[in-house]
Amino acid sequence: MTTNNFTRQTALIVIDVQNDYFANGAYPQWQVDEALAQTLLCVEKAKQQSIPVILVQHLADNSQGDAPFFNPGTLGVEIHPALLKAAPDAPIITKHFADSFDNTPLADILRERHITDVLLCGIMTQNCVTHTAISKSAEAYAVSVIADACAAPSQMVHFIALSALSRRVKLINSTEW
């Protein structure tokens, strides 16, 4: 008889915590500072538990001219400095689509690290967080969305997105893992 010594491995993926979503940015979000504070707590918790942190950065596709936000070469596209300070060694995945797996090396990085469980947080709840959480590629992982470490354009949009996500993935708060 063989014994299965399989252990679960977790990664924290922080999606699009970029300057354009904050005050003075091109598209400020509802409760973004609170979401950032919870995200920073999650990063600290991950570091204490030796959980890898992966940052995701959205770059606008400017093939049709400048996009409304996340334009390459602008201050707005940059990852928030507090997050970079909290996770200076985290790999940064750049993407051009809502789904963080779409045309990026994210799945390869997770596979190389033998990740089985993914914790997601970031901005915007209804768009990039949701599309990453329910991605076909995400089906390979036990996905949890850290609800209080996410932000959206409004409270209503945030809670509608979380309600829809709750049918597909586990929702947790930053204190629950």
N, C-alpha and C. Protein backbone atom coordinates (compact mmCIF):
# COMPACT_ATOMS: atom_id res chain seq x y z
N MET A 1 0.84 -1.18 0.00
CA MET A 1 0.00 0.00 0.00
C MET A 1 0.89 1.25 0.00
N THR A 2 0.56 2.18 -0.84
CA THR A 2 1.32 3.43 -0.92
C THR A 2 0.62 4.52 -0.11
N THR A 3 1.44 5.32 0.51
CA THR A 3 0.89 6.45 1.26
C THR A 3 1.06 7.70 0.42
N ASN A 4 -0.01 8.46 0.32
CA ASN A 4 0.05 9.71 -0.43
C ASN A 4 0.50 10.82 0.50
N ASN A 5 1.68 11.38 0.25
CA ASN A 5 2.22 12.46 1.06
C ASN A 5 1.96 13.82 0.42
N PHE A 6 0.88 13.91 -0.34
CA PHE A 6 0.54 15.14 -1.05
C PHE A 6 0.23 16.25 -0.06
N THR A 7 0.91 17.38 -0.22
CA THR A 7 0.63 18.54 0.61
C THR A 7 0.14 19.67 -0.27
N ARG A 8 -0.72 20.46 0.26
CA ARG A 8 -1.27 21.59 -0.46
C ARG A 8 -0.30 22.75 -0.40
N GLN A 9 -0.16 23.43 -1.50
CA GLN A 9 0.71 24.60 -1.60
C GLN A 9 -0.14 25.79 -2.06
N THR A 10 0.01 26.89 -1.38
CA THR A 10 -0.80 28.07 -1.64
C THR A 10 0.04 29.20 -2.21
N ALA A 11 -0.57 30.02 -3.07
CA ALA A 11 0.04 31.26 -3.56
C ALA A 11 -0.97 32.38 -3.41
N LEU A 12 -0.48 33.57 -3.12
CA LEU A 12 -1.29 34.78 -3.06
C LEU A 12 -1.04 35.55 -4.35
N ILE A 13 -2.11 35.79 -5.11
CA ILE A 13 -2.01 36.54 -6.36
C ILE A 13 -2.74 37.87 -6.16
N VAL A 14 -1.99 38.96 -6.33
CA VAL A 14 -2.52 40.31 -6.14
C VAL A 14 -2.66 40.95 -7.53
N ILE A 15 -3.90 41.26 -7.89
CA ILE A 15 -4.23 41.67 -9.25
C ILE A 15 -4.44 43.18 -9.37
N ASP A 16 -3.66 43.81 -10.21
CA ASP A 16 -3.88 45.19 -10.69
C ASP A 16 -4.01 46.25 -9.59
N VAL A 17 -3.20 46.16 -8.56
CA VAL A 17 -3.18 47.22 -7.55
C VAL A 17 -2.25 48.30 -8.09
N GLN A 18 -2.79 49.12 -8.98
CA GLN A 18 -2.03 50.08 -9.76
C GLN A 18 -2.51 51.51 -9.49
N ASN A 19 -1.64 52.44 -9.67
CA ASN A 19 -1.88 53.84 -9.31
C ASN A 19 -3.13 54.46 -9.93
N ASP A 20 -3.49 54.07 -11.14
CA ASP A 20 -4.68 54.66 -11.77
C ASP A 20 -5.96 54.41 -10.99
N TYR A 21 -5.98 53.43 -10.11
CA TYR A 21 -7.18 53.12 -9.33
C TYR A 21 -7.27 53.91 -8.03
N PHE A 22 -6.26 54.72 -7.72
CA PHE A 22 -6.22 55.46 -6.46
C PHE A 22 -6.51 56.94 -6.71
N ALA A 23 -6.67 57.70 -5.61
CA ALA A 23 -6.90 59.14 -5.71
C ALA A 23 -5.89 59.75 -6.66
N ASN A 24 -6.31 60.67 -7.48
CA ASN A 24 -5.51 61.34 -8.50
C ASN A 24 -5.16 60.44 -9.69
N GLY A 25 -5.65 59.20 -9.68
CA GLY A 25 -5.45 58.32 -10.83
C GLY A 25 -6.57 58.52 -11.84
N ALA A 26 -6.47 57.82 -12.95
CA ALA A 26 -7.44 57.98 -14.03
C ALA A 26 -8.80 57.35 -13.72
N TYR A 27 -8.85 56.37 -12.80
CA TYR A 27 -10.12 55.68 -12.52
C TYR A 27 -10.17 55.22 -11.06
N PRO A 28 -10.27 56.16 -10.10
CA PRO A 28 -10.30 55.81 -8.67
C PRO A 28 -11.48 54.88 -8.35
N GLN A 29 -11.23 53.95 -7.44
CA GLN A 29 -12.21 52.94 -7.07
C GLN A 29 -12.77 53.16 -5.66
N TRP A 30 -13.93 52.58 -5.41
CA TRP A 30 -14.59 52.63 -4.11
C TRP A 30 -13.76 51.85 -3.08
N GLN A 31 -13.50 52.47 -1.96
CA GLN A 31 -12.77 51.88 -0.83
C GLN A 31 -11.43 51.26 -1.22
N VAL A 32 -10.76 51.89 -2.15
CA VAL A 32 -9.50 51.35 -2.64
C VAL A 32 -8.41 51.40 -1.57
N ASP A 33 -8.41 52.44 -0.74
CA ASP A 33 -7.39 52.51 0.31
C ASP A 33 -7.59 51.42 1.35
N GLU A 34 -8.84 51.12 1.67
CA GLU A 34 -9.14 50.03 2.60
C GLU A 34 -8.72 48.68 2.00
N ALA A 35 -9.01 48.49 0.72
CA ALA A 35 -8.61 47.24 0.06
C ALA A 35 -7.09 47.11 0.03
N LEU A 36 -6.40 48.21 -0.22
CA LEU A 36 -4.94 48.17 -0.20
C LEU A 36 -4.43 47.79 1.18
N ALA A 37 -5.00 48.37 2.23
CA ALA A 37 -4.57 48.04 3.59
C ALA A 37 -4.75 46.55 3.87
N GLN A 38 -5.87 45.98 3.45
CA GLN A 38 -6.10 44.55 3.66
C GLN A 38 -5.14 43.72 2.80
N THR A 39 -4.87 44.19 1.59
CA THR A 39 -3.92 43.50 0.72
C THR A 39 -2.54 43.46 1.35
N LEU A 40 -2.12 44.58 1.91
CA LEU A 40 -0.80 44.63 2.55
C LEU A 40 -0.74 43.69 3.75
N LEU A 41 -1.84 43.58 4.49
CA LEU A 41 -1.89 42.60 5.59
C LEU A 41 -1.78 41.18 5.05
N CYS A 42 -2.43 40.91 3.95
CA CYS A 42 -2.36 39.58 3.34
C CYS A 42 -0.94 39.27 2.86
N VAL A 43 -0.27 40.24 2.30
CA VAL A 43 1.11 40.04 1.86
C VAL A 43 1.99 39.71 3.06
N GLU A 44 1.83 40.44 4.14
CA GLU A 44 2.61 40.17 5.36
C GLU A 44 2.33 38.76 5.87
N LYS A 45 1.06 38.41 5.92
CA LYS A 45 0.67 37.08 6.37
C LYS A 45 1.28 36.00 5.47
N ALA A 46 1.25 36.22 4.16
CA ALA A 46 1.82 35.27 3.22
C ALA A 46 3.32 35.11 3.47
N LYS A 47 4.02 36.22 3.66
CA LYS A 47 5.45 36.15 3.91
C LYS A 47 5.74 35.38 5.20
N GLN A 48 4.95 35.60 6.24
CA GLN A 48 5.14 34.89 7.51
C GLN A 48 4.93 33.39 7.37
N GLN A 49 4.07 33.00 6.42
CA GLN A 49 3.76 31.58 6.22
C GLN A 49 4.52 30.98 5.03
N SER A 50 5.48 31.72 4.51
CA SER A 50 6.27 31.28 3.34
C SER A 50 5.39 30.95 2.14
N ILE A 51 4.32 31.71 1.97
CA ILE A 51 3.44 31.59 0.81
C ILE A 51 3.94 32.56 -0.25
N PRO A 52 4.19 32.08 -1.45
CA PRO A 52 4.66 33.00 -2.48
C PRO A 52 3.60 34.03 -2.85
N VAL A 53 4.06 35.24 -3.12
CA VAL A 53 3.20 36.34 -3.56
C VAL A 53 3.54 36.61 -5.02
N ILE A 54 2.50 36.74 -5.83
CA ILE A 54 2.67 37.05 -7.26
C ILE A 54 1.84 38.30 -7.55
N LEU A 55 2.48 39.28 -8.16
CA LEU A 55 1.80 40.52 -8.51
C LEU A 55 1.42 40.48 -9.98
N VAL A 56 0.25 41.02 -10.29
CA VAL A 56 -0.22 41.09 -11.67
C VAL A 56 -0.42 42.56 -12.02
N GLN A 57 0.07 42.95 -13.18
CA GLN A 57 -0.02 44.33 -13.65
C GLN A 57 -0.66 44.36 -15.03
N HIS A 58 -1.73 45.13 -15.14
CA HIS A 58 -2.43 45.27 -16.42
C HIS A 58 -1.82 46.40 -17.23
N LEU A 59 -1.51 46.13 -18.48
CA LEU A 59 -1.02 47.14 -19.41
C LEU A 59 -2.07 47.32 -20.50
N ALA A 60 -2.45 48.57 -20.74
CA ALA A 60 -3.44 48.84 -21.78
C ALA A 60 -2.89 48.49 -23.15
N ASP A 61 -3.78 48.07 -24.02
CA ASP A 61 -3.44 47.84 -25.42
C ASP A 61 -3.69 49.16 -26.15
N ASN A 62 -2.64 49.81 -26.55
CA ASN A 62 -2.79 51.12 -27.19
C ASN A 62 -2.73 51.05 -28.71
N SER A 63 -3.09 49.89 -29.27
CA SER A 63 -3.04 49.76 -30.72
C SER A 63 -4.05 50.68 -31.42
N GLN A 64 -5.08 51.11 -30.70
CA GLN A 64 -6.09 52.02 -31.27
C GLN A 64 -5.95 53.43 -30.68
N GLY A 65 -4.81 53.76 -30.10
CA GLY A 65 -4.63 55.04 -29.44
C GLY A 65 -4.63 54.83 -27.93
N ASP A 66 -4.42 55.90 -27.19
CA ASP A 66 -4.36 55.78 -25.73
C ASP A 66 -5.66 55.23 -25.15
N ALA A 67 -5.52 54.33 -24.20
CA ALA A 67 -6.66 53.79 -23.45
C ALA A 67 -7.01 54.77 -22.33
N PRO A 68 -8.17 54.61 -21.69
CA PRO A 68 -8.55 55.53 -20.62
C PRO A 68 -7.63 55.47 -19.40
N PHE A 69 -6.98 54.32 -19.18
CA PHE A 69 -6.04 54.19 -18.07
C PHE A 69 -5.12 53.01 -18.34
N PHE A 70 -4.10 52.87 -17.48
CA PHE A 70 -3.06 51.83 -17.58
C PHE A 70 -2.22 51.95 -18.85
N ASN A 71 -2.00 53.17 -19.28
CA ASN A 71 -1.16 53.39 -20.47
C ASN A 71 0.30 53.17 -20.12
N PRO A 72 0.99 52.34 -20.89
CA PRO A 72 2.42 52.11 -20.65
C PRO A 72 3.19 53.43 -20.60
N GLY A 73 4.16 53.47 -19.69
CA GLY A 73 4.99 54.64 -19.56
C GLY A 73 4.41 55.74 -18.68
N THR A 74 3.22 55.52 -18.12
CA THR A 74 2.61 56.53 -17.25
C THR A 74 2.76 56.11 -15.79
N LEU A 75 2.63 57.06 -14.90
CA LEU A 75 2.64 56.78 -13.46
C LEU A 75 1.46 55.90 -13.08
N GLY A 76 0.33 56.10 -13.75
CA GLY A 76 -0.89 55.35 -13.43
C GLY A 76 -0.78 53.85 -13.63
N VAL A 77 0.01 53.40 -14.58
CA VAL A 77 0.13 51.98 -14.86
C VAL A 77 0.99 51.25 -13.82
N GLU A 78 1.78 52.00 -13.07
CA GLU A 78 2.70 51.38 -12.11
C GLU A 78 1.96 50.76 -10.93
N ILE A 79 2.51 49.67 -10.44
CA ILE A 79 1.97 49.03 -9.24
C ILE A 79 2.15 49.99 -8.07
N HIS A 80 1.15 50.03 -7.19
CA HIS A 80 1.18 50.95 -6.05
C HIS A 80 2.48 50.77 -5.28
N PRO A 81 3.16 51.86 -4.93
CA PRO A 81 4.47 51.76 -4.26
C PRO A 81 4.42 51.02 -2.92
N ALA A 82 3.34 51.11 -2.19
CA ALA A 82 3.26 50.40 -0.90
C ALA A 82 3.27 48.89 -1.13
N LEU A 83 2.65 48.44 -2.20
CA LEU A 83 2.64 47.01 -2.51
C LEU A 83 4.03 46.56 -2.96
N LEU A 84 4.68 47.35 -3.78
CA LEU A 84 6.04 47.00 -4.21
C LEU A 84 7.00 46.95 -3.02
N LYS A 85 6.81 47.85 -2.08
CA LYS A 85 7.65 47.86 -0.88
C LYS A 85 7.37 46.62 -0.02
N ALA A 86 6.11 46.22 0.08
CA ALA A 86 5.74 45.06 0.90
C ALA A 86 6.18 43.74 0.27
N ALA A 87 6.23 43.69 -1.05
CA ALA A 87 6.59 42.44 -1.76
C ALA A 87 7.66 42.73 -2.80
N PRO A 88 8.85 43.17 -2.38
CA PRO A 88 9.87 43.59 -3.35
C PRO A 88 10.41 42.46 -4.22
N ASP A 89 10.32 41.23 -3.77
CA ASP A 89 10.86 40.10 -4.52
C ASP A 89 9.79 39.32 -5.29
N ALA A 90 8.55 39.78 -5.22
CA ALA A 90 7.46 39.05 -5.89
C ALA A 90 7.61 39.18 -7.40
N PRO A 91 7.41 38.08 -8.11
CA PRO A 91 7.40 38.19 -9.57
C PRO A 91 6.21 39.04 -10.01
N ILE A 92 6.39 39.78 -11.10
CA ILE A 92 5.32 40.61 -11.65
C ILE A 92 4.94 40.04 -13.01
N ILE A 93 3.68 39.66 -13.11
CA ILE A 93 3.13 39.15 -14.36
C ILE A 93 2.43 40.31 -15.05
N THR A 94 2.77 40.61 -16.28
CA THR A 94 2.04 41.64 -17.01
C THR A 94 0.99 40.98 -17.89
N LYS A 95 -0.14 41.66 -18.01
CA LYS A 95 -1.24 41.11 -18.81
C LYS A 95 -1.90 42.22 -19.61
N HIS A 96 -2.68 41.81 -20.61
CA HIS A 96 -3.40 42.76 -21.46
C HIS A 96 -4.89 42.47 -21.47
N PHE A 97 -5.32 41.45 -20.73
CA PHE A 97 -6.72 41.04 -20.71
C PHE A 97 -7.17 40.89 -19.25
N ALA A 98 -8.47 40.81 -19.02
CA ALA A 98 -9.01 40.72 -17.66
C ALA A 98 -8.51 39.47 -16.93
N ASP A 99 -8.45 38.35 -17.60
CA ASP A 99 -8.04 37.08 -17.02
C ASP A 99 -6.51 37.07 -16.87
N SER A 100 -6.03 36.96 -15.66
CA SER A 100 -4.59 36.98 -15.39
C SER A 100 -3.85 35.78 -15.97
N PHE A 101 -4.58 34.75 -16.37
CA PHE A 101 -3.97 33.58 -16.99
C PHE A 101 -3.85 33.75 -18.51
N ASP A 102 -4.66 34.61 -19.09
CA ASP A 102 -4.78 34.75 -20.54
C ASP A 102 -3.51 35.34 -21.15
N ASN A 103 -2.78 34.49 -21.87
CA ASN A 103 -1.57 34.90 -22.58
C ASN A 103 -0.48 35.43 -21.64
N THR A 104 -0.38 34.82 -20.44
CA THR A 104 0.67 35.18 -19.48
C THR A 104 1.34 33.89 -18.99
N PRO A 105 2.46 34.01 -18.30
CA PRO A 105 3.13 32.83 -17.73
C PRO A 105 2.60 32.43 -16.35
N LEU A 106 1.46 32.96 -15.92
CA LEU A 106 0.97 32.69 -14.57
C LEU A 106 0.81 31.20 -14.29
N ALA A 107 0.16 30.47 -15.16
CA ALA A 107 -0.04 29.03 -14.94
C ALA A 107 1.30 28.30 -14.84
N ASP A 108 2.27 28.69 -15.65
CA ASP A 108 3.60 28.07 -15.60
C ASP A 108 4.27 28.32 -14.25
N ILE A 109 4.18 29.55 -13.77
CA ILE A 109 4.78 29.88 -12.48
C ILE A 109 4.13 29.08 -11.36
N LEU A 110 2.81 28.97 -11.39
CA LEU A 110 2.11 28.19 -10.36
C LEU A 110 2.48 26.71 -10.44
N ARG A 111 2.57 26.20 -11.65
CA ARG A 111 2.93 24.78 -11.84
C ARG A 111 4.35 24.52 -11.34
N GLU A 112 5.28 25.41 -11.66
CA GLU A 112 6.67 25.26 -11.22
C GLU A 112 6.79 25.23 -9.70
N ARG A 113 5.90 25.93 -9.04
CA ARG A 113 5.92 26.01 -7.57
C ARG A 113 5.01 24.98 -6.92
N HIS A 114 4.41 24.12 -7.73
CA HIS A 114 3.52 23.06 -7.25
C HIS A 114 2.34 23.61 -6.46
N ILE A 115 1.80 24.74 -6.93
CA ILE A 115 0.68 25.39 -6.25
C ILE A 115 -0.61 24.61 -6.49
N THR A 116 -1.37 24.43 -5.42
CA THR A 116 -2.67 23.76 -5.50
C THR A 116 -3.81 24.70 -5.14
N ASP A 117 -3.51 25.71 -4.32
CA ASP A 117 -4.53 26.63 -3.81
C ASP A 117 -4.11 28.06 -4.14
N VAL A 118 -5.06 28.84 -4.61
CA VAL A 118 -4.78 30.22 -5.00
C VAL A 118 -5.68 31.16 -4.20
N LEU A 119 -5.06 32.15 -3.60
CA LEU A 119 -5.77 33.24 -2.93
C LEU A 119 -5.69 34.45 -3.84
N LEU A 120 -6.82 35.02 -4.20
CA LEU A 120 -6.85 36.16 -5.10
C LEU A 120 -7.35 37.40 -4.39
N CYS A 121 -6.75 38.53 -4.70
CA CYS A 121 -7.27 39.81 -4.26
C CYS A 121 -6.85 40.85 -5.28
N GLY A 122 -7.44 42.04 -5.20
CA GLY A 122 -7.03 43.10 -6.10
C GLY A 122 -8.18 43.94 -6.61
N ILE A 123 -7.95 44.52 -7.77
CA ILE A 123 -8.86 45.50 -8.33
C ILE A 123 -9.04 45.17 -9.82
N MET A 124 -10.14 45.21 -10.35
CA MET A 124 -11.49 45.47 -9.92
C MET A 124 -12.19 44.14 -9.66
N THR A 125 -12.98 44.12 -8.61
CA THR A 125 -13.67 42.91 -8.19
C THR A 125 -14.45 42.29 -9.35
N GLN A 126 -15.23 43.12 -10.05
CA GLN A 126 -16.15 42.63 -11.08
C GLN A 126 -15.46 42.31 -12.40
N ASN A 127 -14.22 42.68 -12.55
CA ASN A 127 -13.56 42.49 -13.83
C ASN A 127 -12.37 41.53 -13.70
N CYS A 128 -11.20 42.05 -13.44
CA CYS A 128 -10.01 41.21 -13.47
C CYS A 128 -9.97 40.17 -12.36
N VAL A 129 -10.45 40.50 -11.16
CA VAL A 129 -10.49 39.49 -10.10
C VAL A 129 -11.46 38.38 -10.48
N THR A 130 -12.66 38.76 -10.91
CA THR A 130 -13.66 37.75 -11.30
C THR A 130 -13.18 36.90 -12.47
N HIS A 131 -12.67 37.55 -13.52
CA HIS A 131 -12.25 36.78 -14.69
C HIS A 131 -11.09 35.83 -14.38
N THR A 132 -10.21 36.23 -13.50
CA THR A 132 -9.13 35.34 -13.09
C THR A 132 -9.67 34.19 -12.25
N ALA A 133 -10.56 34.49 -11.33
CA ALA A 133 -11.12 33.47 -10.43
C ALA A 133 -11.88 32.38 -11.18
N ILE A 134 -12.59 32.78 -12.23
CA ILE A 134 -13.41 31.79 -12.95
C ILE A 134 -12.80 31.40 -14.30
N SER A 135 -11.55 31.73 -14.50
CA SER A 135 -10.84 31.36 -15.72
C SER A 135 -10.83 29.84 -15.89
N LYS A 136 -10.85 29.40 -17.10
CA LYS A 136 -10.70 27.96 -17.38
C LYS A 136 -9.40 27.46 -16.76
N SER A 137 -8.35 28.25 -16.83
CA SER A 137 -7.06 27.86 -16.25
C SER A 137 -7.10 27.77 -14.73
N ALA A 138 -7.96 28.54 -14.10
CA ALA A 138 -8.07 28.53 -12.63
C ALA A 138 -8.73 27.26 -12.11
N GLU A 139 -9.38 26.52 -12.98
CA GLU A 139 -10.04 25.28 -12.56
C GLU A 139 -9.05 24.26 -12.01
N ALA A 140 -7.78 24.43 -12.29
CA ALA A 140 -6.75 23.51 -11.78
C ALA A 140 -6.43 23.75 -10.31
N TYR A 141 -6.99 24.81 -9.72
CA TYR A 141 -6.64 25.21 -8.35
C TYR A 141 -7.89 25.36 -7.49
N ALA A 142 -7.70 25.23 -6.19
CA ALA A 142 -8.74 25.61 -5.24
C ALA A 142 -8.62 27.13 -5.09
N VAL A 143 -9.60 27.86 -5.58
CA VAL A 143 -9.55 29.32 -5.63
C VAL A 143 -10.38 29.92 -4.51
N SER A 144 -9.77 30.87 -3.82
CA SER A 144 -10.48 31.68 -2.83
C SER A 144 -10.23 33.14 -3.17
N VAL A 145 -11.28 33.95 -3.08
CA VAL A 145 -11.15 35.39 -3.28
C VAL A 145 -11.24 36.05 -1.91
N ILE A 146 -10.26 36.89 -1.61
CA ILE A 146 -10.21 37.61 -0.34
C ILE A 146 -11.04 38.88 -0.53
N ALA A 147 -12.31 38.83 -0.16
CA ALA A 147 -13.29 39.86 -0.49
C ALA A 147 -12.93 41.24 0.05
N ASP A 148 -12.41 41.31 1.27
CA ASP A 148 -12.11 42.63 1.85
C ASP A 148 -10.79 43.20 1.35
N ALA A 149 -10.10 42.49 0.48
CA ALA A 149 -8.87 42.99 -0.14
C ALA A 149 -9.09 43.22 -1.63
N CYS A 150 -10.35 43.50 -1.99
CA CYS A 150 -10.72 43.81 -3.37
C CYS A 150 -11.45 45.14 -3.40
N ALA A 151 -11.44 45.78 -4.55
CA ALA A 151 -12.15 47.04 -4.74
C ALA A 151 -12.78 47.06 -6.12
N ALA A 152 -13.82 47.89 -6.25
CA ALA A 152 -14.57 48.03 -7.49
C ALA A 152 -14.98 49.49 -7.65
N PRO A 153 -15.59 49.86 -8.78
CA PRO A 153 -15.98 51.25 -8.97
C PRO A 153 -16.98 51.77 -7.92
N SER A 154 -17.82 50.89 -7.40
CA SER A 154 -18.79 51.30 -6.39
C SER A 154 -19.05 50.13 -5.44
N GLN A 155 -19.66 50.45 -4.31
CA GLN A 155 -20.02 49.42 -3.36
C GLN A 155 -20.98 48.41 -3.99
N MET A 156 -21.95 48.91 -4.73
CA MET A 156 -22.94 48.01 -5.35
C MET A 156 -22.26 47.05 -6.33
N VAL A 157 -21.40 47.56 -7.17
CA VAL A 157 -20.72 46.71 -8.15
C VAL A 157 -19.86 45.66 -7.43
N HIS A 158 -19.17 46.08 -6.38
CA HIS A 158 -18.33 45.16 -5.59
C HIS A 158 -19.17 44.00 -5.04
N PHE A 159 -20.30 44.33 -4.40
CA PHE A 159 -21.11 43.28 -3.79
C PHE A 159 -21.85 42.43 -4.80
N ILE A 160 -22.25 42.99 -5.92
CA ILE A 160 -22.85 42.19 -6.98
C ILE A 160 -21.84 41.17 -7.51
N ALA A 161 -20.61 41.63 -7.73
CA ALA A 161 -19.56 40.73 -8.21
C ALA A 161 -19.27 39.63 -7.21
N LEU A 162 -19.18 39.98 -5.94
CA LEU A 162 -18.92 38.97 -4.91
C LEU A 162 -20.06 37.96 -4.84
N SER A 163 -21.28 38.44 -4.95
CA SER A 163 -22.43 37.53 -4.93
C SER A 163 -22.35 36.54 -6.08
N ALA A 164 -22.04 37.03 -7.26
CA ALA A 164 -21.92 36.15 -8.42
C ALA A 164 -20.76 35.17 -8.25
N LEU A 165 -19.63 35.66 -7.74
CA LEU A 165 -18.47 34.79 -7.52
C LEU A 165 -18.76 33.70 -6.50
N SER A 166 -19.58 33.99 -5.51
CA SER A 166 -19.84 33.04 -4.43
C SER A 166 -20.43 31.73 -4.92
N ARG A 167 -20.98 31.73 -6.11
CA ARG A 167 -21.54 30.50 -6.69
C ARG A 167 -20.45 29.63 -7.31
N ARG A 168 -19.25 30.20 -7.52
CA ARG A 168 -18.20 29.48 -8.23
C ARG A 168 -16.93 29.24 -7.42
N VAL A 169 -16.60 30.18 -6.51
CA VAL A 169 -15.37 30.07 -5.74
C VAL A 169 -15.66 30.41 -4.28
N LYS A 170 -14.72 30.09 -3.44
CA LYS A 170 -14.85 30.40 -2.02
C LYS A 170 -14.51 31.88 -1.78
N LEU A 171 -15.34 32.55 -1.00
CA LEU A 171 -15.06 33.93 -0.59
C LEU A 171 -14.61 33.90 0.86
N ILE A 172 -13.52 34.61 1.15
CA ILE A 172 -13.01 34.70 2.51
C ILE A 172 -12.65 36.16 2.79
N ASN A 173 -12.38 36.45 4.03
CA ASN A 173 -11.83 37.75 4.41
C ASN A 173 -10.36 37.55 4.77
N SER A 174 -9.65 38.65 4.89
CA SER A 174 -8.22 38.58 5.11
C SER A 174 -7.84 37.92 6.43
N THR A 175 -8.77 37.82 7.36
CA THR A 175 -8.49 37.17 8.64
C THR A 175 -8.77 35.66 8.62
N GLU A 176 -9.28 35.14 7.52
CA GLU A 176 -9.77 33.75 7.50
C GLU A 176 -8.82 32.74 6.86
N TRP A 177 -7.58 33.06 6.71
CA TRP A 177 -6.65 32.07 6.15
C TRP A 177 -5.34 32.12 6.86
